[in-house]
C-alpha atoms as a PDB file:
ATOM      1  CA  MET A   1       0.000   0.000   0.000  1.00  0.00           C
ATOM      2  CA  ILE A   2       1.404   3.373  -1.038  1.00  0.00           C
ATOM      3  CA  ASN A   3      -0.047   6.512   0.530  1.00  0.00           C
ATOM      4  CA  VAL A   4      -1.283   9.167  -1.916  1.00  0.00           C
ATOM      5  CA  PRO A   5      -1.047  12.535  -0.136  1.00  0.00           C
ATOM      6  CA  ASN A   6      -4.237  14.594  -0.306  1.00  0.00           C
ATOM      7  CA  THR A   7      -5.450  18.013   0.817  1.00  0.00           C
ATOM      8  CA  ILE A   8      -7.271  16.780   3.949  1.00  0.00           C
ATOM      9  CA  PRO A   9      -5.291  13.826   5.342  1.00  0.00           C
ATOM     10  CA  HIS A  10      -6.839  14.141   8.820  1.00  0.00           C
ATOM     11  CA  LYS A  11     -10.239  13.203   7.297  1.00  0.00           C
ATOM     12  CA  VAL A  12      -9.527  11.353   4.045  1.00  0.00           C
ATOM     13  CA  LEU A  13      -7.306   8.321   3.463  1.00  0.00           C
ATOM     14  CA  SER A  14      -6.080   7.740  -0.098  1.00  0.00           C
ATOM     15  CA  PHE A  15      -3.729   5.048  -1.328  1.00  0.00           C
ATOM     16  CA  VAL A  16      -2.633   2.968  -4.301  1.00  0.00           C
ATOM     17  CA  ARG A  17      -1.963  -0.770  -4.378  1.00  0.00           C
ATOM     18  CA  ARG A  18      -0.440  -2.312  -7.450  1.00  0.00           C
ATOM     19  CA  ASN A  19       1.451  -5.211  -8.922  1.00  0.00           C
ATOM     20  CA  GLU A  20       2.843  -5.889 -12.396  1.00  0.00           C
ATOM     21  CA  ARG A  21      -0.649  -6.141 -13.954  1.00  0.00           C
ATOM     22  CA  ASP A  22      -3.204  -4.462 -11.705  1.00  0.00           C
ATOM     23  CA  LYS A  23      -3.658  -1.199  -9.855  1.00  0.00           C
ATOM     24  CA  VAL A  24      -6.192  -0.012  -7.286  1.00  0.00           C
ATOM     25  CA  PHE A  25      -6.683   3.586  -6.152  1.00  0.00           C
ATOM     26  CA  ALA A  26      -8.888   3.899  -3.060  1.00  0.00           C
ATOM     27  CA  VAL A  27     -10.188   7.002  -1.263  1.00  0.00           C
ATOM     28  CA  PHE A  28     -12.085   6.932   2.063  1.00  0.00           C
ATOM     29  CA  ASN A  29     -13.835   9.807   3.862  1.00  0.00           C
ATOM     30  CA  PHE A  30     -13.563   9.030   7.580  1.00  0.00           C
ATOM     31  CA  SER A  31     -15.609  12.045   8.659  1.00  0.00           C
ATOM     32  CA  ASN A  32     -19.278  12.809   9.224  1.00  0.00           C
ATOM     33  CA  THR A  33     -19.267  15.740   6.761  1.00  0.00           C
ATOM     34  CA  PRO A  34     -18.894  15.925   2.954  1.00  0.00           C
ATOM     35  CA  GLN A  35     -15.305  16.421   1.804  1.00  0.00           C
ATOM     36  CA  THR A  36     -13.824  17.802  -1.415  1.00  0.00           C
ATOM     37  CA  VAL A  37     -10.349  16.405  -1.852  1.00  0.00           C
ATOM     38  CA  THR A  38      -7.489  16.810  -4.332  1.00  0.00           C
ATOM     39  CA  PHE A  39      -4.239  14.882  -4.498  1.00  0.00           C
ATOM     40  CA  ASP A  40      -0.604  15.949  -4.411  1.00  0.00           C
ATOM     41  CA  GLU A  41       1.121  13.173  -6.382  1.00  0.00           C
ATOM     42  CA  THR A  42       0.916  11.585  -9.812  1.00  0.00           C
ATOM     43  CA  LEU A  43       0.919   7.999  -8.548  1.00  0.00           C
ATOM     44  CA  TYR A  44      -2.866   7.720  -8.992  1.00  0.00           C
ATOM     45  CA  HIS A  45      -2.989   9.126 -12.559  1.00  0.00           C
ATOM     46  CA  GLY A  46      -4.557   6.925 -15.201  1.00  0.00           C
ATOM     47  CA  ARG A  47      -7.677   5.370 -16.670  1.00  0.00           C
ATOM     48  CA  TYR A  48      -9.706   3.301 -14.237  1.00  0.00           C
ATOM     49  CA  THR A  49     -13.042   1.632 -13.790  1.00  0.00           C
ATOM     50  CA  ARG A  50     -15.107   2.382 -10.688  1.00  0.00           C
ATOM     51  CA  LEU A  51     -15.284  -0.883  -8.789  1.00  0.00           C
ATOM     52  CA  PHE A  52     -19.029  -1.140  -8.204  1.00  0.00           C
ATOM     53  CA  SER A  53     -20.607   0.964 -10.956  1.00  0.00           C
ATOM     54  CA  LYS A  54     -18.182  -0.190 -13.707  1.00  0.00           C
ATOM     55  CA  GLU A  55     -18.083   3.445 -14.888  1.00  0.00           C
ATOM     56  CA  PRO A  56     -14.874   4.392 -16.757  1.00  0.00           C
ATOM     57  CA  VAL A  57     -12.958   7.261 -15.166  1.00  0.00           C
ATOM     58  CA  GLU A  58      -9.789   9.122 -16.129  1.00  0.00           C
ATOM     59  CA  LEU A  59      -7.946  10.661 -13.182  1.00  0.00           C
ATOM     60  CA  LEU A  60      -5.371  13.325 -13.985  1.00  0.00           C
ATOM     61  CA  GLY A  61      -3.386  15.928 -12.079  1.00  0.00           C
ATOM     62  CA  SER A  62      -6.412  18.138 -11.565  1.00  0.00           C
ATOM     63  CA  ALA A  63      -8.588  15.333 -10.182  1.00  0.00           C
ATOM     64  CA  GLN A  64     -10.988  16.427  -7.466  1.00  0.00           C
ATOM     65  CA  LEU A  65     -13.354  14.102  -5.660  1.00  0.00           C
ATOM     66  CA  ILE A  66     -16.390  15.021  -3.599  1.00  0.00           C
ATOM     67  CA  LEU A  67     -17.150  12.385  -0.980  1.00  0.00           C
ATOM     68  CA  GLU A  68     -20.283  12.251   1.120  1.00  0.00           C
ATOM     69  CA  PRO A  69     -19.918  11.537   4.865  1.00  0.00           C
ATOM     70  CA  TRP A  70     -18.333   8.101   5.447  1.00  0.00           C
ATOM     71  CA  ALA A  71     -18.210   7.490   1.670  1.00  0.00           C
ATOM     72  CA  TYR A  72     -15.457   5.837  -0.312  1.00  0.00           C
ATOM     73  CA  ARG A  73     -14.436   5.297  -3.928  1.00  0.00           C
ATOM     74  CA  VAL A  74     -12.427   2.431  -5.328  1.00  0.00           C
ATOM     75  CA  PHE A  75     -10.933   2.629  -8.816  1.00  0.00           C
ATOM     76  CA  VAL A  76      -9.357  -0.385 -10.527  1.00  0.00           C
ATOM     77  CA  LYS A  77      -7.332  -1.137 -13.637  1.00  0.00           C
END
């Protein structure tokens, strides 16, 4: 697990896990309020699929996520 620094680390956990073939980028809001978060590194950049909705997503340097209270997002490739 590799930490992906974000703008509100005291409320949001973000990390990447990967091997030679696969990559997962996960973001968790551990607070009871909505959070808008951006990320400080390029480790998460790429084209993913949202784990549960199967929606394609491209995450670039300007990526910003809005997470509802206690929400999370998992992106896979």
